[in-house]
């Protein structure tokens, strides 16, 4: 299976992002993630990364590409905020 360079970079970025709370847990009690939290955030980041890679490969028009990636980024932030603090009050909301 051939993994292109951009997808490998996306995977590395996801790993580094997940290292932030992992390292923070060692220094403070305010960050308290469980394995499930890392799994869910990894899945959300991976989904956003795969969708971004798909958009970059398929959309040729620069304006459309930027617009779609901006919408994807906003959706990612909304999902992240909902999972973290529950801005919409869904059953998946964090505390």
PDB file of N, CA and C in Angstrom:
ATOM      1  N   UNK A   1       0.849  -1.186   0.000  1.00  0.00           N
ATOM      2  CA  UNK A   1       0.000   0.000   0.000  1.00  0.00           C
ATOM      3  C   UNK A   1       0.885   1.235   0.000  1.00  0.00           C
ATOM      4  N   UNK A   2       0.652   2.097  -0.959  1.00  0.00           N
ATOM      5  CA  UNK A   2       1.458   3.297  -1.086  1.00  0.00           C
ATOM      6  C   UNK A   2       0.754   4.462  -0.381  1.00  0.00           C
ATOM      7  N   UNK A   3       1.435   5.026   0.608  1.00  0.00           N
ATOM      8  CA  UNK A   3       0.904   6.197   1.303  1.00  0.00           C
ATOM      9  C   UNK A   3       1.680   7.405   0.800  1.00  0.00           C
ATOM     10  N   UNK A   4       0.939   8.398   0.308  1.00  0.00           N
ATOM     11  CA  UNK A   4       1.646   9.556  -0.220  1.00  0.00           C
ATOM     12  C   UNK A   4       2.214  10.405   0.915  1.00  0.00           C
ATOM     13  N   UNK A   5       3.092  11.300   0.561  1.00  0.00           N
ATOM     14  CA  UNK A   5       3.821  12.111   1.536  1.00  0.00           C
ATOM     15  C   UNK A   5       2.881  13.010   2.339  1.00  0.00           C
ATOM     16  N   UNK A   6       1.900  13.611   1.701  1.00  0.00           N
ATOM     17  CA  UNK A   6       0.987  14.524   2.395  1.00  0.00           C
ATOM     18  C   UNK A   6       0.164  13.781   3.442  1.00  0.00           C
ATOM     19  N   UNK A   7      -0.296  12.567   3.132  1.00  0.00           N
ATOM     20  CA  UNK A   7      -1.061  11.790   4.097  1.00  0.00           C
ATOM     21  C   UNK A   7      -0.184  11.382   5.280  1.00  0.00           C
ATOM     22  N   UNK A   8       1.059  11.048   5.033  1.00  0.00           N
ATOM     23  CA  UNK A   8       1.987  10.721   6.111  1.00  0.00           C
ATOM     24  C   UNK A   8       2.198  11.927   7.023  1.00  0.00           C
ATOM     25  N   UNK A   9       2.295  13.113   6.438  1.00  0.00           N
ATOM     26  CA  UNK A   9       2.439  14.336   7.237  1.00  0.00           C
ATOM     27  C   UNK A   9       1.188  14.572   8.078  1.00  0.00           C
ATOM     28  N   UNK A  10       0.019  14.312   7.510  1.00  0.00           N
ATOM     29  CA  UNK A  10      -1.234  14.441   8.268  1.00  0.00           C
ATOM     30  C   UNK A  10      -1.215  13.506   9.474  1.00  0.00           C
ATOM     31  N   UNK A  11      -0.769  12.273   9.285  1.00  0.00           N
ATOM     32  CA  UNK A  11      -0.694  11.327  10.396  1.00  0.00           C
ATOM     33  C   UNK A  11       0.287  11.793  11.464  1.00  0.00           C
ATOM     34  N   UNK A  12       1.409  12.352  11.054  1.00  0.00           N
ATOM     35  CA  UNK A  12       2.375  12.881  12.021  1.00  0.00           C
ATOM     36  C   UNK A  12       1.795  14.049  12.811  1.00  0.00           C
ATOM     37  N   UNK A  13       1.080  14.932  12.144  1.00  0.00           N
ATOM     38  CA  UNK A  13       0.460  16.076  12.816  1.00  0.00           C
ATOM     39  C   UNK A  13      -0.571  15.594  13.831  1.00  0.00           C
ATOM     40  N   UNK A  14      -1.354  14.596  13.476  1.00  0.00           N
ATOM     41  CA  UNK A  14      -2.343  14.037  14.403  1.00  0.00           C
ATOM     42  C   UNK A  14      -1.638  13.481  15.642  1.00  0.00           C
ATOM     43  N   UNK A  15      -0.549  12.776  15.428  1.00  0.00           N
ATOM     44  CA  UNK A  15       0.219  12.241  16.551  1.00  0.00           C
ATOM     45  C   UNK A  15       0.746  13.339  17.463  1.00  0.00           C
ATOM     46  N   UNK A  16       1.280  14.406  16.877  1.00  0.00           N
ATOM     47  CA  UNK A  16       1.796  15.516  17.681  1.00  0.00           C
ATOM     48  C   UNK A  16       0.671  16.227  18.430  1.00  0.00           C
ATOM     49  N   UNK A  17      -0.491  16.386  17.804  1.00  0.00           N
ATOM     50  CA  UNK A  17      -1.626  17.027  18.482  1.00  0.00           C
ATOM     51  C   UNK A  17      -2.068  16.187  19.676  1.00  0.00           C
ATOM     52  N   UNK A  18      -2.086  14.866  19.516  1.00  0.00           N
ATOM     53  CA  UNK A  18      -2.488  14.002  20.621  1.00  0.00           C
ATOM     54  C   UNK A  18      -1.425  13.931  21.718  1.00  0.00           C
ATOM     55  N   UNK A  19      -0.207  14.277  21.390  1.00  0.00           N
ATOM     56  CA  UNK A  19       0.843  14.324  22.408  1.00  0.00           C
ATOM     57  C   UNK A  19       0.648  15.489  23.378  1.00  0.00           C
ATOM     58  N   UNK A  20      -0.009  16.549  22.939  1.00  0.00           N
ATOM     59  CA  UNK A  20      -0.186  17.735  23.788  1.00  0.00           C
ATOM     60  C   UNK A  20      -0.941  17.386  25.072  1.00  0.00           C
ATOM     61  N   UNK A  21      -2.156  16.801  25.001  1.00  0.00           N
ATOM     62  CA  UNK A  21      -2.818  16.453  26.262  1.00  0.00           C
ATOM     63  C   UNK A  21      -2.104  15.337  27.018  1.00  0.00           C
ATOM     64  N   UNK A  22      -1.446  14.428  26.289  1.00  0.00           N
ATOM     65  CA  UNK A  22      -0.720  13.344  26.953  1.00  0.00           C
ATOM     66  C   UNK A  22       0.403  13.900  27.827  1.00  0.00           C
ATOM     67  N   UNK A  23       1.144  14.849  27.299  1.00  0.00           N
ATOM     68  CA  UNK A  23       2.224  15.469  28.065  1.00  0.00           C
ATOM     69  C   UNK A  23       1.654  16.361  29.165  1.00  0.00           C
ATOM     70  N   UNK A  24       0.584  17.090  28.865  1.00  0.00           N
ATOM     71  CA  UNK A  24      -0.025  17.971  29.862  1.00  0.00           C
ATOM     72  C   UNK A  24      -0.534  17.179  31.061  1.00  0.00           C
ATOM     73  N   UNK A  25      -0.991  15.958  30.847  1.00  0.00           N
ATOM     74  CA  UNK A  25      -1.479  15.130  31.951  1.00  0.00           C
ATOM     75  C   UNK A  25      -0.370  14.809  32.942  1.00  0.00           C
ATOM     76  N   UNK A  26       0.861  14.838  32.505  1.00  0.00           N
ATOM     77  CA  UNK A  26       1.996  14.543  33.377  1.00  0.00           C
ATOM     78  C   UNK A  26       2.329  15.707  34.313  1.00  0.00           C
ATOM     79  N   UNK A  27       1.908  16.922  33.936  1.00  0.00           N
ATOM     80  CA  UNK A  27       2.298  18.107  34.690  1.00  0.00           C
ATOM     81  C   UNK A  27       1.165  18.757  35.472  1.00  0.00           C
ATOM     82  N   UNK A  28      -0.089  18.425  35.148  1.00  0.00           N
ATOM     83  CA  UNK A  28      -1.214  19.065  35.820  1.00  0.00           C
ATOM     84  C   UNK A  28      -2.363  18.084  35.971  1.00  0.00           C
ATOM     85  N   UNK A  29      -3.166  18.315  36.985  1.00  0.00           N
ATOM     86  CA  UNK A  29      -4.361  17.496  37.189  1.00  0.00           C
ATOM     87  C   UNK A  29      -5.567  18.046  36.441  1.00  0.00           C
ATOM     88  N   UNK A  30      -5.429  19.201  35.805  1.00  0.00           N
ATOM     89  CA  UNK A  30      -6.542  19.817  35.089  1.00  0.00           C
ATOM     90  C   UNK A  30      -6.824  19.135  33.760  1.00  0.00           C
ATOM     91  N   UNK A  31      -5.858  18.412  33.241  1.00  0.00           N
ATOM     92  CA  UNK A  31      -6.062  17.631  32.016  1.00  0.00           C
ATOM     93  C   UNK A  31      -6.195  16.174  32.450  1.00  0.00           C
ATOM     94  N   UNK A  32      -7.368  15.614  32.251  1.00  0.00           N
ATOM     95  CA  UNK A  32      -7.645  14.255  32.716  1.00  0.00           C
ATOM     96  C   UNK A  32      -8.313  13.464  31.597  1.00  0.00           C
ATOM     97  N   UNK A  33      -7.515  13.004  30.652  1.00  0.00           N
ATOM     98  CA  UNK A  33      -8.030  12.223  29.532  1.00  0.00           C
ATOM     99  C   UNK A  33      -7.871  10.743  29.836  1.00  0.00           C
ATOM    100  N   UNK A  34      -8.841   9.977  29.385  1.00  0.00           N
ATOM    101  CA  UNK A  34      -8.754   8.526  29.445  1.00  0.00           C
ATOM    102  C   UNK A  34      -8.408   8.014  28.053  1.00  0.00           C
ATOM    103  N   UNK A  35      -8.166   6.716  27.951  1.00  0.00           N
ATOM    104  CA  UNK A  35      -7.824   6.129  26.656  1.00  0.00           C
ATOM    105  C   UNK A  35      -8.934   6.364  25.636  1.00  0.00           C
ATOM    106  N   UNK A  36     -10.181   6.315  26.078  1.00  0.00           N
ATOM    107  CA  UNK A  36     -11.302   6.537  25.170  1.00  0.00           C
ATOM    108  C   UNK A  36     -11.284   7.961  24.607  1.00  0.00           C
ATOM    109  N   UNK A  37     -10.881   8.932  25.423  1.00  0.00           N
ATOM    110  CA  UNK A  37     -10.788  10.316  24.953  1.00  0.00           C
ATOM    111  C   UNK A  37      -9.756  10.445  23.831  1.00  0.00           C
ATOM    112  N   UNK A  38      -8.619   9.784  24.001  1.00  0.00           N
ATOM    113  CA  UNK A  38      -7.598   9.810  22.962  1.00  0.00           C
ATOM    114  C   UNK A  38      -8.096   9.112  21.696  1.00  0.00           C
ATOM    115  N   UNK A  39      -8.816   8.029  21.870  1.00  0.00           N
ATOM    116  CA  UNK A  39      -9.355   7.293  20.725  1.00  0.00           C
ATOM    117  C   UNK A  39     -10.356   8.141  19.948  1.00  0.00           C
ATOM    118  N   UNK A  40     -11.267   8.791  20.661  1.00  0.00           N
ATOM    119  CA  UNK A  40     -12.283   9.612  19.996  1.00  0.00           C
ATOM    120  C   UNK A  40     -11.629  10.803  19.306  1.00  0.00           C
ATOM    121  N   UNK A  41     -10.728  11.500  19.995  1.00  0.00           N
ATOM    122  CA  UNK A  41     -10.085  12.661  19.378  1.00  0.00           C
ATOM    123  C   UNK A  41      -9.218  12.229  18.195  1.00  0.00           C
ATOM    124  N   UNK A  42      -8.562  11.080  18.311  1.00  0.00           N
ATOM    125  CA  UNK A  42      -7.794  10.567  17.184  1.00  0.00           C
ATOM    126  C   UNK A  42      -8.677  10.277  15.986  1.00  0.00           C
ATOM    127  N   UNK A  43      -9.864   9.715  16.237  1.00  0.00           N
ATOM    128  CA  UNK A  43     -10.802   9.434  15.151  1.00  0.00           C
ATOM    129  C   UNK A  43     -11.322  10.716  14.513  1.00  0.00           C
ATOM    130  N   UNK A  44     -11.619  11.724  15.338  1.00  0.00           N
ATOM    131  CA  UNK A  44     -12.095  13.006  14.797  1.00  0.00           C
ATOM    132  C   UNK A  44     -10.998  13.669  13.965  1.00  0.00           C
ATOM    133  N   UNK A  45      -9.774  13.686  14.485  1.00  0.00           N
ATOM    134  CA  UNK A  45      -8.660  14.283  13.743  1.00  0.00           C
ATOM    135  C   UNK A  45      -8.368  13.514  12.459  1.00  0.00           C
ATOM    136  N   UNK A  46      -8.397  12.196  12.538  1.00  0.00           N
ATOM    137  CA  UNK A  46      -8.134  11.387  11.351  1.00  0.00           C
ATOM    138  C   UNK A  46      -9.217  11.604  10.297  1.00  0.00           C
ATOM    139  N   UNK A  47     -10.465  11.679  10.721  1.00  0.00           N
ATOM    140  CA  UNK A  47     -11.556  11.941   9.782  1.00  0.00           C
ATOM    141  C   UNK A  47     -11.384  13.287   9.092  1.00  0.00           C
ATOM    142  N   UNK A  48     -11.051  14.306   9.876  1.00  0.00           N
ATOM    143  CA  UNK A  48     -10.836  15.631   9.289  1.00  0.00           C
ATOM    144  C   UNK A  48      -9.639  15.611   8.339  1.00  0.00           C
ATOM    145  N   UNK A  49      -8.585  14.905   8.715  1.00  0.00           N
ATOM    146  CA  UNK A  49      -7.408  14.818   7.856  1.00  0.00           C
ATOM    147  C   UNK A  49      -7.681  14.089   6.557  1.00  0.00           C
ATOM    148  N   UNK A  50      -8.416  12.989   6.631  1.00  0.00           N
ATOM    149  CA  UNK A  50      -8.753  12.230   5.420  1.00  0.00           C
ATOM    150  C   UNK A  50      -9.655  13.053   4.507  1.00  0.00           C
ATOM    151  N   UNK A  51     -10.639  13.742   5.103  1.00  0.00           N
ATOM    152  CA  UNK A  51     -11.511  14.592   4.290  1.00  0.00           C
ATOM    153  C   UNK A  51     -10.727  15.730   3.640  1.00  0.00           C
ATOM    154  N   UNK A  52      -9.802  16.322   4.385  1.00  0.00           N
ATOM    155  CA  UNK A  52      -8.969  17.395   3.816  1.00  0.00           C
ATOM    156  C   UNK A  52      -8.121  16.858   2.663  1.00  0.00           C
ATOM    157  N   UNK A  53      -7.543  15.687   2.840  1.00  0.00           N
ATOM    158  CA  UNK A  53      -6.753  15.070   1.770  1.00  0.00           C
ATOM    159  C   UNK A  53      -7.620  14.795   0.550  1.00  0.00           C
ATOM    160  N   UNK A  54      -8.830  14.318   0.756  1.00  0.00           N
ATOM    161  CA  UNK A  54      -9.750  14.059  -0.343  1.00  0.00           C
ATOM    162  C   UNK A  54     -10.068  15.350  -1.099  1.00  0.00           C
ATOM    163  N   UNK A  55     -10.342  16.420  -0.359  1.00  0.00           N
ATOM    164  CA  UNK A  55     -10.641  17.710  -0.996  1.00  0.00           C
ATOM    165  C   UNK A  55      -9.427  18.199  -1.782  1.00  0.00           C
ATOM    166  N   UNK A  56      -8.250  18.085  -1.196  1.00  0.00           N
ATOM    167  CA  UNK A  56      -7.043  18.551  -1.890  1.00  0.00           C
ATOM    168  C   UNK A  56      -6.778  17.761  -3.166  1.00  0.00           C
ATOM    169  N   UNK A  57      -7.144  16.493  -3.182  1.00  0.00           N
ATOM    170  CA  UNK A  57      -6.932  15.669  -4.378  1.00  0.00           C
ATOM    171  C   UNK A  57      -7.997  15.895  -5.448  1.00  0.00           C
ATOM    172  N   UNK A  58      -9.235  16.103  -5.039  1.00  0.00           N
ATOM    173  CA  UNK A  58     -10.337  16.105  -5.989  1.00  0.00           C
ATOM    174  C   UNK A  58     -10.740  17.486  -6.498  1.00  0.00           C
ATOM    175  N   UNK A  59     -10.623  18.510  -5.675  1.00  0.00           N
ATOM    176  CA  UNK A  59     -11.100  19.836  -6.063  1.00  0.00           C
ATOM    177  C   UNK A  59      -9.947  20.598  -6.698  1.00  0.00           C
ATOM    178  N   UNK A  60     -10.136  21.030  -7.921  1.00  0.00           N
ATOM    179  CA  UNK A  60      -9.075  21.722  -8.661  1.00  0.00           C
ATOM    180  C   UNK A  60      -9.179  23.246  -8.554  1.00  0.00           C
ATOM    181  N   UNK A  61     -10.379  23.761  -8.403  1.00  0.00           N
ATOM    182  CA  UNK A  61     -10.582  25.204  -8.318  1.00  0.00           C
ATOM    183  C   UNK A  61     -10.112  25.694  -6.941  1.00  0.00           C
ATOM    184  N   UNK A  62      -9.180  26.647  -6.936  1.00  0.00           N
ATOM    185  CA  UNK A  62      -8.583  27.125  -5.688  1.00  0.00           C
ATOM    186  C   UNK A  62      -9.606  27.755  -4.756  1.00  0.00           C
ATOM    187  N   UNK A  63     -10.522  28.537  -5.292  1.00  0.00           N
ATOM    188  CA  UNK A  63     -11.520  29.184  -4.438  1.00  0.00           C
ATOM    189  C   UNK A  63     -12.436  28.151  -3.782  1.00  0.00           C
ATOM    190  N   UNK A  64     -12.882  27.171  -4.556  1.00  0.00           N
ATOM    191  CA  UNK A  64     -13.716  26.111  -4.002  1.00  0.00           C
ATOM    192  C   UNK A  64     -12.945  25.302  -2.953  1.00  0.00           C
ATOM    193  N   UNK A  65     -11.695  25.022  -3.257  1.00  0.00           N
ATOM    194  CA  UNK A  65     -10.850  24.253  -2.348  1.00  0.00           C
ATOM    195  C   UNK A  65     -10.726  24.964  -1.006  1.00  0.00           C
ATOM    196  N   UNK A  66     -10.437  26.254  -1.037  1.00  0.00           N
ATOM    197  CA  UNK A  66     -10.303  27.035   0.196  1.00  0.00           C
ATOM    198  C   UNK A  66     -11.632  27.081   0.944  1.00  0.00           C
ATOM    199  N   UNK A  67     -12.722  27.287   0.223  1.00  0.00           N
ATOM    200  CA  UNK A  67     -14.040  27.339   0.852  1.00  0.00           C
ATOM    201  C   UNK A  67     -14.423  26.034   1.521  1.00  0.00           C
ATOM    202  N   UNK A  68     -14.203  24.927   0.815  1.00  0.00           N
ATOM    203  CA  UNK A  68     -14.558  23.622   1.372  1.00  0.00           C
ATOM    204  C   UNK A  68     -13.687  23.301   2.583  1.00  0.00           C
ATOM    205  N   UNK A  69     -12.393  23.606   2.494  1.00  0.00           N
ATOM    206  CA  UNK A  69     -11.508  23.361   3.635  1.00  0.00           C
ATOM    207  C   UNK A  69     -11.871  24.242   4.828  1.00  0.00           C
ATOM    208  N   UNK A  70     -12.311  25.476   4.567  1.00  0.00           N
ATOM    209  CA  UNK A  70     -12.739  26.359   5.656  1.00  0.00           C
ATOM    210  C   UNK A  70     -13.983  25.805   6.339  1.00  0.00           C
ATOM    211  N   UNK A  71     -14.940  25.324   5.546  1.00  0.00           N
ATOM    212  CA  UNK A  71     -16.146  24.718   6.118  1.00  0.00           C
ATOM    213  C   UNK A  71     -15.785  23.466   6.914  1.00  0.00           C
ATOM    214  N   UNK A  72     -14.889  22.650   6.379  1.00  0.00           N
ATOM    215  CA  UNK A  72     -14.434  21.455   7.076  1.00  0.00           C
ATOM    216  C   UNK A  72     -13.778  21.818   8.408  1.00  0.00           C
ATOM    217  N   UNK A  73     -12.970  22.865   8.421  1.00  0.00           N
ATOM    218  CA  UNK A  73     -12.301  23.304   9.648  1.00  0.00           C
ATOM    219  C   UNK A  73     -13.317  23.807  10.679  1.00  0.00           C
ATOM    220  N   UNK A  74     -14.304  24.557  10.228  1.00  0.00           N
ATOM    221  CA  UNK A  74     -15.344  25.055  11.148  1.00  0.00           C
ATOM    222  C   UNK A  74     -16.140  23.886  11.731  1.00  0.00           C
ATOM    223  N   UNK A  75     -16.481  22.918  10.905  1.00  0.00           N
ATOM    224  CA  UNK A  75     -17.190  21.730  11.407  1.00  0.00           C
ATOM    225  C   UNK A  75     -16.346  20.966  12.421  1.00  0.00           C
ATOM    226  N   UNK A  76     -15.059  20.847  12.146  1.00  0.00           N
ATOM    227  CA  UNK A  76     -14.160  20.196  13.096  1.00  0.00           C
ATOM    228  C   UNK A  76     -14.164  20.934  14.434  1.00  0.00           C
ATOM    229  N   UNK A  77     -14.067  22.260  14.395  1.00  0.00           N
ATOM    230  CA  UNK A  77     -14.063  23.038  15.638  1.00  0.00           C
ATOM    231  C   UNK A  77     -15.381  22.891  16.399  1.00  0.00           C
ATOM    232  N   UNK A  78     -16.509  22.860  15.682  1.00  0.00           N
ATOM    233  CA  UNK A  78     -17.801  22.689  16.337  1.00  0.00           C
ATOM    234  C   UNK A  78     -17.923  21.308  16.987  1.00  0.00           C
ATOM    235  N   UNK A  79     -17.470  20.275  16.307  1.00  0.00           N
ATOM    236  CA  UNK A  79     -17.498  18.929  16.885  1.00  0.00           C
ATOM    237  C   UNK A  79     -16.586  18.858  18.095  1.00  0.00           C
ATOM    238  N   UNK A  80     -15.414  19.452  17.994  1.00  0.00           N
ATOM    239  CA  UNK A  80     -14.460  19.465  19.101  1.00  0.00           C
ATOM    240  C   UNK A  80     -15.054  20.178  20.309  1.00  0.00           C
ATOM    241  N   UNK A  81     -15.661  21.340  20.081  1.00  0.00           N
ATOM    242  CA  UNK A  81     -16.258  22.098  21.176  1.00  0.00           C
ATOM    243  C   UNK A  81     -17.421  21.335  21.805  1.00  0.00           C
ATOM    244  N   UNK A  82     -18.217  20.672  20.990  1.00  0.00           N
ATOM    245  CA  UNK A  82     -19.342  19.903  21.522  1.00  0.00           C
ATOM    246  C   UNK A  82     -18.843  18.748  22.383  1.00  0.00           C
ATOM    247  N   UNK A  83     -17.842  18.044  21.907  1.00  0.00           N
ATOM    248  CA  UNK A  83     -17.308  16.930  22.682  1.00  0.00           C
ATOM    249  C   UNK A  83     -16.617  17.408  23.953  1.00  0.00           C
ATOM    250  N   UNK A  84     -16.021  18.581  23.919  1.00  0.00           N
ATOM    251  CA  UNK A  84     -15.280  19.089  25.076  1.00  0.00           C
ATOM    252  C   UNK A  84     -16.198  19.669  26.145  1.00  0.00           C
ATOM    253  N   UNK A  85     -17.099  20.552  25.759  1.00  0.00           N
ATOM    254  CA  UNK A  85     -17.902  21.260  26.765  1.00  0.00           C
ATOM    255  C   UNK A  85     -19.395  21.226  26.509  1.00  0.00           C
ATOM    256  N   UNK A  86     -19.838  20.742  25.383  1.00  0.00           N
ATOM    257  CA  UNK A  86     -21.265  20.611  25.132  1.00  0.00           C
ATOM    258  C   UNK A  86     -21.964  21.910  24.799  1.00  0.00           C
ATOM    259  N   UNK A  87     -21.525  22.610  23.760  1.00  0.00           N
ATOM    260  CA  UNK A  87     -22.149  23.891  23.416  1.00  0.00           C
ATOM    261  C   UNK A  87     -23.557  23.722  22.868  1.00  0.00           C
ATOM    262  N   UNK A  88     -23.890  22.537  22.356  1.00  0.00           N
ATOM    263  CA  UNK A  88     -25.223  22.300  21.817  1.00  0.00           C
ATOM    264  C   UNK A  88     -26.077  21.450  22.751  1.00  0.00           C
ATOM    265  N   UNK A  89     -25.487  20.870  23.772  1.00  0.00           N
ATOM    266  CA  UNK A  89     -26.230  20.061  24.737  1.00  0.00           C
ATOM    267  C   UNK A  89     -26.629  18.696  24.236  1.00  0.00           C
ATOM    268  N   UNK A  90     -25.869  18.115  23.337  1.00  0.00           N
ATOM    269  CA  UNK A  90     -26.195  16.785  22.833  1.00  0.00           C
ATOM    270  C   UNK A  90     -25.810  15.725  23.871  1.00  0.00           C
ATOM    271  N   UNK A  91     -26.266  14.496  23.689  1.00  0.00           N
ATOM    272  CA  UNK A  91     -25.897  13.416  24.631  1.00  0.00           C
ATOM    273  C   UNK A  91     -24.394  13.094  24.594  1.00  0.00           C
ATOM    274  N   UNK A  92     -23.706  13.543  23.562  1.00  0.00           N
ATOM    275  CA  UNK A  92     -22.275  13.268  23.439  1.00  0.00           C
ATOM    276  C   UNK A  92     -21.428  14.328  24.117  1.00  0.00           C
ATOM    277  N   UNK A  93     -22.060  15.348  24.679  1.00  0.00           N
ATOM    278  CA  UNK A  93     -21.340  16.487  25.243  1.00  0.00           C
ATOM    279  C   UNK A  93     -20.494  16.082  26.423  1.00  0.00           C
ATOM    280  N   UNK A  94     -19.366  16.768  26.523  1.00  0.00           N
ATOM    281  CA  UNK A  94     -18.493  16.568  27.678  1.00  0.00           C
ATOM    282  C   UNK A  94     -18.989  17.362  28.860  1.00  0.00           C
ATOM    283  N   UNK A  95     -18.272  17.236  29.951  1.00  0.00           N
ATOM    284  CA  UNK A  95     -18.693  17.970  31.150  1.00  0.00           C
ATOM    285  C   UNK A  95     -17.769  19.137  31.416  1.00  0.00           C
TER     286      UNK A  95
END
